[in-house]
Protein backbone atom coordinates (compact mmCIF):
# COMPACT_ATOMS: atom_id res chain seq x y z
CA MET A 1 138.08 216.21 -177.95
CA PRO A 2 141.25 217.00 -174.55
CA PRO A 3 139.93 220.78 -173.03
CA SER A 4 143.94 221.42 -173.53
CA SER A 5 143.85 220.82 -177.56
CA LEU A 6 140.61 223.94 -177.20
CA GLN A 7 141.54 226.98 -178.05
CA LEU A 8 139.82 228.97 -175.52
CA ARG A 9 141.55 233.31 -175.09
CA PRO A 10 138.84 235.21 -175.23
CA PRO A 11 139.82 237.88 -178.66
CA SER A 12 140.04 241.55 -177.94
CA ALA A 13 136.44 241.93 -178.55
CA CYS A 14 135.74 239.69 -175.37
CA ARG A 15 138.03 241.44 -172.86
CA HIS A 16 135.86 244.43 -174.31
CA VAL A 17 132.80 242.91 -172.88
CA ARG A 18 134.20 241.80 -169.31
CA HIS A 19 134.84 245.85 -168.73
CA VAL A 20 131.32 246.43 -170.12
CA LEU A 21 129.99 244.08 -167.67
CA PHE A 22 132.55 245.11 -164.65
CA SER A 23 132.06 248.58 -164.86
CA THR A 24 127.95 248.67 -164.16
CA PRO A 25 126.55 249.20 -161.54
CA ARG A 26 126.40 246.13 -158.57
CA THR A 27 122.33 245.83 -158.81
CA ALA A 28 122.46 245.26 -162.72
CA ARG A 29 126.31 243.02 -162.59
CA PRO A 30 126.89 240.01 -162.73
CA CYS A 31 128.39 238.49 -160.37
CA ARG A 32 130.17 235.72 -159.17
CA PHE A 33 128.32 232.73 -156.96
CA LEU A 34 130.54 233.97 -153.38
CA ALA A 35 128.15 237.04 -153.43
CA THR A 36 126.26 236.98 -150.32
CA LYS A 37 123.09 237.90 -150.86
CA PRO A 38 120.69 237.89 -154.70
CA VAL A 39 121.11 240.88 -156.57
CA ASN A 40 117.75 241.99 -158.76
CA GLN A 41 117.64 240.65 -162.43
CA GLY A 42 117.70 243.08 -164.61
CA THR A 43 120.18 242.56 -167.35
CA THR A 44 118.61 239.46 -169.59
CA SER A 45 119.69 241.71 -172.69
CA THR A 46 123.20 242.61 -170.83
CA LEU A 47 125.81 241.08 -173.48
CA SER A 48 123.56 241.83 -175.94
CA GLN A 49 124.35 245.62 -175.39
CA ALA A 50 127.34 245.08 -174.37
CA VAL A 51 128.71 244.03 -177.79
CA ALA A 52 126.02 243.41 -180.77
CA ALA A 53 129.37 241.95 -182.41
CA LEU A 54 129.21 239.60 -180.54
CA TYR A 55 126.06 237.79 -182.09
CA HIS A 56 124.53 237.59 -185.51
CA PRO A 57 121.88 238.82 -187.52
CA GLU A 58 120.01 235.65 -187.58
CA PRO A 59 120.12 232.40 -185.30
CA VAL A 60 122.78 230.01 -185.67
CA PHE A 61 121.30 227.41 -183.22
CA PRO A 62 118.13 225.19 -182.91
CA PRO A 63 116.26 226.95 -179.89
CA LEU A 64 116.27 223.69 -177.13
CA VAL A 65 113.62 222.22 -177.58
CA LEU A 66 113.99 220.77 -180.78
CA ALA A 67 111.75 218.51 -182.99
CA GLU A 68 112.58 214.80 -181.52
CA LYS A 69 112.69 215.09 -178.57
CA SER A 70 116.09 213.70 -177.06
CA SER A 71 116.15 211.48 -173.35
CA PRO A 72 119.22 211.68 -171.84
CA GLU A 73 122.01 207.95 -172.08
CA SER A 74 122.76 206.87 -169.13
CA MET A 75 126.20 207.73 -167.48
CA GLN A 76 127.08 204.46 -165.59
CA GLN A 77 130.13 204.02 -167.58
CA PHE A 78 131.29 207.53 -165.23
CA ALA A 79 129.90 206.18 -162.28
CA PRO A 80 132.08 203.41 -159.84
CA PRO A 81 131.24 199.85 -159.77
CA ASP A 82 129.24 198.74 -156.39
CA LEU A 83 131.14 197.85 -153.99
CA GLU A 84 129.98 195.27 -151.49
CA VAL A 85 129.12 195.86 -148.53
CA VAL A 86 131.16 193.66 -145.94
CA GLU A 87 129.17 193.77 -142.73
CA PRO A 88 131.53 194.17 -139.61
CA PRO A 89 131.57 191.14 -137.43
CA GLN A 90 129.10 190.95 -133.83
CA PRO A 91 129.61 189.76 -130.43
CA LYS A 92 127.62 187.13 -129.65
CA ASP A 93 126.38 185.48 -126.18
CA GLY A 94 128.33 188.79 -124.86
CA LYS A 95 131.57 187.75 -125.68
CA PRO A 96 133.78 190.23 -127.09
CA VAL A 97 134.41 189.49 -130.64
CA GLY A 98 137.28 187.06 -131.51
CA THR A 99 140.77 187.64 -133.61
CA PRO A 100 140.12 185.27 -135.42
CA ASP A 101 136.51 186.36 -137.13
CA ARG A 102 138.23 190.23 -137.05
CA PHE A 103 140.89 188.80 -139.10
CA GLN A 104 138.57 186.72 -141.83
CA TYR A 105 136.22 190.32 -141.79
CA TYR A 106 139.28 192.50 -143.29
CA LEU A 107 139.89 189.43 -145.25
CA ARG A 108 137.00 189.87 -146.78
CA LEU A 109 137.05 193.73 -146.67
CA GLY A 110 140.27 194.01 -148.29
CA LYS A 111 138.92 191.78 -151.20
CA SER A 112 135.57 193.82 -151.71
CA VAL A 113 137.54 196.63 -152.38
CA GLY A 114 140.46 195.56 -154.69
CA LYS A 115 137.47 194.18 -156.43
CA PHE A 116 135.64 197.31 -156.70
CA TYR A 117 139.00 198.98 -157.77
CA TRP A 118 139.63 196.76 -160.99
CA ALA A 119 136.68 197.26 -162.34
CA GLY A 120 136.69 201.08 -161.51
CA LEU A 121 140.31 200.22 -163.01
CA LYS A 122 138.18 198.52 -166.33
CA LYS A 123 135.60 200.86 -166.72
CA ILE A 124 138.97 203.71 -167.45
CA PHE A 125 140.36 202.02 -169.90
CA SER A 126 136.82 200.89 -171.91
CA ASN A 127 136.22 204.61 -171.33
CA PHE A 128 139.37 205.56 -173.07
CA LYS A 129 138.89 203.45 -175.79
CA GLU A 130 135.56 204.63 -176.13
CA TYR A 131 137.22 208.08 -176.81
CA GLN A 132 139.44 207.64 -179.21
CA ARG A 133 137.05 205.62 -181.07
CA PHE A 134 134.36 209.05 -180.72
CA LYS A 135 137.18 211.49 -180.86
CA THR A 136 138.80 210.11 -184.33
CA HIS A 137 134.99 209.89 -185.69
CA LEU A 138 134.67 213.52 -185.19
CA SER A 139 137.88 214.26 -186.15
CA SER A 140 136.79 213.36 -189.70
CA PHE A 141 134.60 215.25 -190.26
CA GLN A 142 135.43 218.64 -187.85
CA GLY A 143 137.70 219.88 -189.87
CA GLN A 144 139.47 221.81 -186.91
CA THR A 145 139.78 221.44 -183.61
CA ALA A 146 139.43 225.18 -182.62
CA THR A 147 136.97 226.13 -180.10
CA PRO A 148 134.16 227.29 -183.11
CA SER A 149 134.23 224.24 -184.30
CA PHE A 150 133.80 222.37 -181.17
CA GLY A 151 131.31 225.19 -179.87
CA ALA A 152 129.14 224.80 -182.74
CA VAL A 153 129.36 220.53 -183.41
CA VAL A 154 128.99 220.12 -179.56
CA ALA A 155 125.26 223.08 -179.34
CA HIS A 156 124.42 221.84 -183.39
CA SER A 157 125.00 225.47 -184.93
CA VAL A 158 123.76 225.98 -188.15
CA LEU A 159 127.28 227.11 -189.08
CA TYR A 160 128.39 223.87 -188.89
CA GLN A 161 126.55 220.97 -190.53
CA SER A 162 127.71 217.31 -188.94
CA PRO A 163 126.39 214.20 -189.56
CA THR A 164 126.90 213.47 -185.88
CA THR A 165 124.36 214.58 -183.34
CA ILE A 166 126.67 214.40 -179.87
CA THR A 167 124.93 213.96 -176.60
CA ARG A 168 125.36 214.63 -172.91
CA ARG A 169 127.30 211.02 -172.55
CA GLN A 170 129.53 212.06 -175.75
CA PHE A 171 130.39 215.17 -174.40
CA GLN A 172 131.09 214.14 -170.76
CA LEU A 173 133.46 211.64 -172.79
CA LEU A 174 135.44 214.19 -174.23
CA TYR A 175 136.93 215.24 -171.11
CA ARG A 176 136.27 211.85 -168.56
CA GLY A 177 137.45 209.75 -170.80
CA PRO A 178 141.26 211.58 -170.85
CA SER A 179 141.09 213.15 -167.67
CA ASP A 180 140.53 209.07 -165.65
CA PHE A 181 142.95 207.86 -168.05
CA TYR A 182 145.63 210.19 -167.31
CA LYS A 183 145.44 209.61 -163.39
CA LEU A 184 146.10 205.85 -164.05
CA ILE A 185 149.77 205.92 -163.82
CA PRO A 186 150.08 207.73 -160.14
CA PHE A 187 146.92 205.86 -158.56
CA SER A 188 148.15 202.59 -159.80
CA LEU A 189 151.29 202.63 -158.65
CA VAL A 190 149.87 202.99 -155.30
CA PHE A 191 147.34 200.12 -156.30
CA VAL A 192 149.69 198.06 -156.80
CA VAL A 193 152.03 198.99 -153.90
CA CYS A 194 149.11 198.34 -151.59
CA GLY A 195 146.75 196.40 -152.65
CA GLU A 196 144.26 195.93 -150.83
CA PHE A 197 144.70 198.65 -148.36
CA THR A 198 145.13 201.00 -150.42
CA PRO A 199 142.10 203.54 -148.99
CA LEU A 200 143.91 203.23 -145.81
CA VAL A 201 147.07 204.99 -148.09
CA LEU A 202 144.78 207.55 -149.45
CA PRO A 203 143.42 209.60 -146.76
CA PHE A 204 147.80 211.14 -146.96
CA LEU A 205 147.25 211.67 -150.53
CA PRO A 206 145.87 214.00 -152.61
CA THR A 207 142.06 213.17 -154.23
CA ALA A 208 143.47 214.46 -157.89
CA ILE A 209 145.42 210.98 -158.13
CA LEU A 210 142.42 209.68 -157.27
CA PRO A 211 140.20 208.67 -161.31
CA GLY A 212 136.30 209.16 -160.88
CA THR A 213 134.94 205.78 -161.28
CA CYS A 214 137.69 204.37 -158.51
CA ARG A 215 136.20 206.81 -155.31
CA ARG A 216 133.60 205.33 -153.04
CA GLN A 217 131.25 206.78 -151.51
CA GLN A 218 133.59 209.20 -148.53
CA ASP A 219 136.06 209.82 -150.72
CA ARG A 220 133.64 211.81 -152.72
CA LEU A 221 132.48 213.05 -149.20
CA ALA A 222 136.32 214.07 -149.21
CA VAL A 223 136.11 215.53 -151.99
CA ASN A 224 133.61 217.78 -150.75
CA ARG A 225 134.73 218.83 -148.00
CA LYS A 226 138.34 220.21 -149.58
CA TYR A 227 135.91 221.48 -152.08
CA THR A 228 134.21 223.60 -149.04
CA LYS A 229 136.77 224.86 -147.57
CA ARG A 230 138.23 227.09 -150.84
CA LEU A 231 134.79 228.00 -150.84
CA ARG A 232 135.29 229.66 -147.06
CA PHE A 233 137.97 230.62 -148.01
CA ALA A 234 136.96 232.11 -151.49
CA ARG A 235 134.20 234.25 -149.44
CA ASP A 236 136.73 235.38 -146.45
CA GLN A 237 139.19 236.48 -148.95
CA MET A 238 135.72 238.45 -150.32
CA ARG A 239 135.91 240.41 -147.73
CA LEU A 240 138.49 242.10 -148.57
CA PHE A 241 137.43 243.72 -152.15
CA PRO A 242 133.95 245.35 -150.69
CA PRO A 243 131.38 247.10 -153.89
CA ALA A 244 131.19 250.63 -154.03
CA PRO A 245 128.52 252.08 -152.63
CA PRO A 246 125.04 252.31 -155.06
CA GLN A 247 125.50 256.18 -155.12
CA VAL A 248 128.99 255.75 -156.54
CA ALA A 249 128.44 252.84 -158.97
CA ALA A 250 125.69 254.90 -159.61
CA SER A 251 127.49 257.96 -160.88
CA ASN A 252 130.67 256.27 -161.84
CA PRO A 253 130.09 253.30 -163.37
CA SER A 254 134.02 252.37 -163.91
CA ASP A 255 134.53 252.91 -160.25
CA PRO A 256 138.25 251.03 -159.68
CA ARG A 257 136.15 249.03 -156.57
CA LEU A 258 133.90 247.97 -159.49
CA LEU A 259 137.08 246.21 -161.04
CA ARG A 260 138.66 244.59 -157.85
CA HIS A 261 135.33 243.58 -156.90
CA SER A 262 134.43 242.07 -159.72
CA ALA A 263 138.47 240.71 -161.49
CA ALA A 264 138.55 238.98 -157.83
CA GLN A 265 134.92 236.92 -158.04
CA GLU A 266 135.98 236.00 -161.20
CA VAL A 267 139.47 235.01 -159.53
CA LEU A 268 138.22 233.17 -156.21
CA TRP A 269 135.76 231.30 -158.02
CA GLY A 270 137.99 229.50 -160.04
CA TYR A 271 140.30 228.57 -157.27
CA ALA A 272 136.62 227.55 -155.36
CA VAL A 273 136.00 224.60 -158.61
CA ARG A 274 140.04 224.36 -159.26
CA SER A 275 139.30 225.10 -162.77
CA SER A 276 143.10 225.88 -163.20
CA PRO A 277 146.16 223.24 -162.24
CA PHE A 278 147.83 226.45 -160.60
CA SER A 279 145.00 227.53 -158.43
CA PHE A 280 146.07 225.94 -155.67
CA LEU A 281 148.80 228.50 -156.12
CA ILE A 282 146.51 231.77 -154.55
CA PRO A 283 146.48 231.39 -151.08
CA TYR A 284 150.15 232.21 -151.52
CA PHE A 285 149.68 235.21 -153.23
CA PRO A 286 149.35 238.57 -151.02
CA LYS A 287 145.27 238.69 -151.09
CA ARG A 288 145.94 242.44 -152.93
CA TRP A 289 146.95 240.09 -155.00
CA ILE A 290 144.15 238.70 -155.68
CA PRO A 291 141.96 240.98 -158.25
CA ALA A 292 145.34 241.19 -160.48
CA LEU A 293 145.41 237.76 -161.21
CA ASP A 294 142.41 237.79 -163.19
CA ARG A 295 144.36 239.36 -166.40
CA SER A 296 147.84 236.49 -165.73
CA ARG A 297 147.46 233.37 -167.88
CA LEU A 298 147.66 231.29 -165.64
CA PHE A 299 144.17 231.40 -163.96
CA ARG A 300 142.11 233.29 -167.21
CA PRO A 301 142.30 230.82 -170.43
CA TYR A 302 140.87 228.03 -167.54
CA ASN A 303 138.74 230.39 -166.14
CA ASP A 304 137.35 230.72 -169.53
CA ALA A 305 137.53 226.90 -170.57
CA ARG A 306 135.89 226.31 -167.35
CA HIS A 307 132.64 228.64 -168.60
CA PHE A 308 132.78 227.19 -172.38
CA ARG A 309 132.54 224.24 -170.90
CA ILE A 310 129.77 224.66 -169.03
CA VAL A 311 127.49 226.64 -170.93
CA LEU A 312 127.94 223.44 -173.81
CA ASP A 313 126.96 220.61 -170.81
CA THR A 314 123.84 223.35 -169.49
CA ILE A 315 122.51 222.94 -173.52
CA LEU A 316 123.31 219.39 -173.94
CA ILE A 317 121.69 218.87 -170.52
CA MET A 318 118.32 220.87 -170.96
CA ARG A 319 118.00 219.75 -174.96
CA GLU A 320 117.85 215.88 -172.72
CA GLY A 321 114.56 217.08 -170.82
CA GLY A 322 116.34 219.44 -167.48
CA PHE A 323 118.32 218.89 -164.64
CA GLY A 324 115.20 217.11 -163.12
CA LYS A 325 116.69 213.77 -164.76
CA LEU A 326 120.01 213.73 -163.36
CA SER A 327 120.80 211.36 -160.94
CA ALA A 328 121.21 212.46 -157.39
CA ASP A 329 125.38 211.58 -158.57
CA GLU A 330 125.11 213.73 -161.24
CA ILE A 331 123.38 216.31 -159.56
CA VAL A 332 126.44 217.18 -157.69
CA ASP A 333 128.65 216.82 -159.76
CA TYR A 334 127.81 219.60 -161.81
CA CYS A 335 127.33 221.58 -158.63
CA LEU A 336 131.07 220.38 -158.03
CA PHE A 337 131.96 221.82 -161.57
CA VAL A 338 130.34 225.43 -161.50
CA GLY A 339 130.82 226.09 -158.00
CA HIS A 340 126.35 226.46 -157.86
CA GLY A 341 126.09 228.05 -154.75
CA PRO A 342 123.08 226.79 -153.16
CA PHE A 343 125.16 223.94 -153.13
CA PHE A 344 127.33 224.61 -150.80
CA LYS A 345 124.25 223.39 -147.25
CA PHE A 346 124.46 220.20 -149.24
CA ALA A 347 128.10 219.53 -150.13
CA GLU A 348 129.39 217.73 -147.12
CA LEU A 349 126.16 214.93 -146.70
CA PRO A 350 125.84 212.19 -148.81
CA PRO A 351 123.61 212.64 -151.68
CA THR A 352 120.08 212.29 -151.27
CA GLU A 353 116.71 212.61 -153.64
CA ALA A 354 115.58 215.60 -151.51
CA MET A 355 118.80 216.94 -152.49
CA ARG A 356 118.21 215.97 -155.71
CA THR A 357 114.68 217.17 -156.05
CA GLN A 358 115.94 221.07 -154.37
CA MET A 359 119.20 221.24 -156.31
CA ALA A 360 116.89 219.54 -159.89
CA ALA A 361 115.45 223.09 -159.25
CA SER A 362 117.88 225.51 -158.94
CA LEU A 363 120.12 224.44 -161.80
CA ASP A 364 116.96 224.26 -164.49
CA ALA A 365 116.73 228.16 -163.12
CA TYR A 366 120.02 228.88 -163.20
CA ALA A 367 119.72 227.05 -167.13
CA THR A 368 117.04 229.22 -167.75
CA ARG A 369 119.29 231.99 -167.18
CA LEU A 370 122.03 230.78 -168.55
CA LEU A 371 120.53 231.02 -171.48
CA ASP A 372 118.27 233.72 -171.72
CA HIS A 373 120.58 236.30 -173.52
CA ASP A 374 119.68 234.62 -176.92
CA PHE A 375 122.40 232.02 -176.93
CA THR A 376 120.64 231.34 -180.39
CA ARG A 377 122.58 234.33 -181.88
CA LEU A 378 125.51 234.79 -180.44
CA ASP A 379 129.06 233.46 -182.04
CA PRO A 380 130.48 229.80 -181.02
CA SER A 381 133.49 231.19 -179.87
CA GLN A 382 131.63 233.66 -177.10
CA LEU A 383 129.80 230.96 -175.96
CA PHE A 384 131.52 230.66 -172.24
CA LEU A 385 130.34 234.62 -171.91
CA LEU A 386 126.93 232.98 -170.55
CA ASP A 387 128.51 231.40 -167.76
CA PHE A 388 130.43 234.86 -166.48
CA ILE A 389 127.18 236.69 -166.17
CA ALA A 390 123.87 234.38 -166.08
CA ARG A 391 125.16 233.78 -161.75
CA SER A 392 123.61 237.43 -161.18
CA ALA A 393 120.76 235.69 -158.75
CA ASP A 394 122.93 232.73 -156.85
CA PRO A 395 123.68 233.67 -153.89
């Protein structure tokens, strides 16, 4: 089920939740990852206090500790294939490398890259076929494609008894399968025209056209560098929207500065993680318009859709043992997708085991905050609110 088929526009009750959360003092208000300092976490029941109608009287989701503890499935089908390393020729006896040796080296290098891309394209077709089969199977008993039904099925809600338990691999397949497949048209044109010389052309093209299974390590780092560039821009723009002083927030929780600050954080978070296809337009708007963009249909529905997917993915990760069982590349993908603040210092570096360990602990703490609002009773259609309020301790 592609994200575009999900009905993610929040109801009026959700807009009331946003107003209540935006109107709380800064020390208790959930903030985005753009905050420069962590704030005190004292809002465990903020959501339930804001709108009790979003909660069911009895739990509708099982706790994270399942009777049959599942183990994570391999995510290799979404990872790029192995790239054969071709060693460059070395000078012998003090003589420089000759032209024939250089030609043979570039020929072997081109063949290696060509095999890499062909293997990546085969993975895309295989994933898309599996996606179509699983989507057909899911639709046969889901009954509808609305968000409550989809969220209930993924998070194992008792409101929707289904014969299928969705794993994280299958959940990722519902999104990554069509996403990579739709990138085949532009990437295939480049690959057919340029062949083995495609890596020489890619730096001049948008990274969005490159499917995930066809990204080399340097391509992934290029994506990370663009993320850090957007994040720096977002943090710079947040200086234009300082929060109200604590004494003002305490005496007037509806101060317009509080609302502008929180709305700007939400818009700029969406820009940093590229939640909307229109996010690239944000730097071209007048800076003072940024808070008002939170109400725009160009950005807000996509931000809510990203929150919704983050919550479901996090629930599935925690059900399968937590972030400690993810590989370093999977940790990087998740951090980029959610805009995890502590990952900023690692973004432009190759993934390492030390990074994986540190980020796994940080993400486990984030998941604890995310699910600490009694998510077992929250209505499935409002699950995205958990991510919206979970980052109050992020630097």
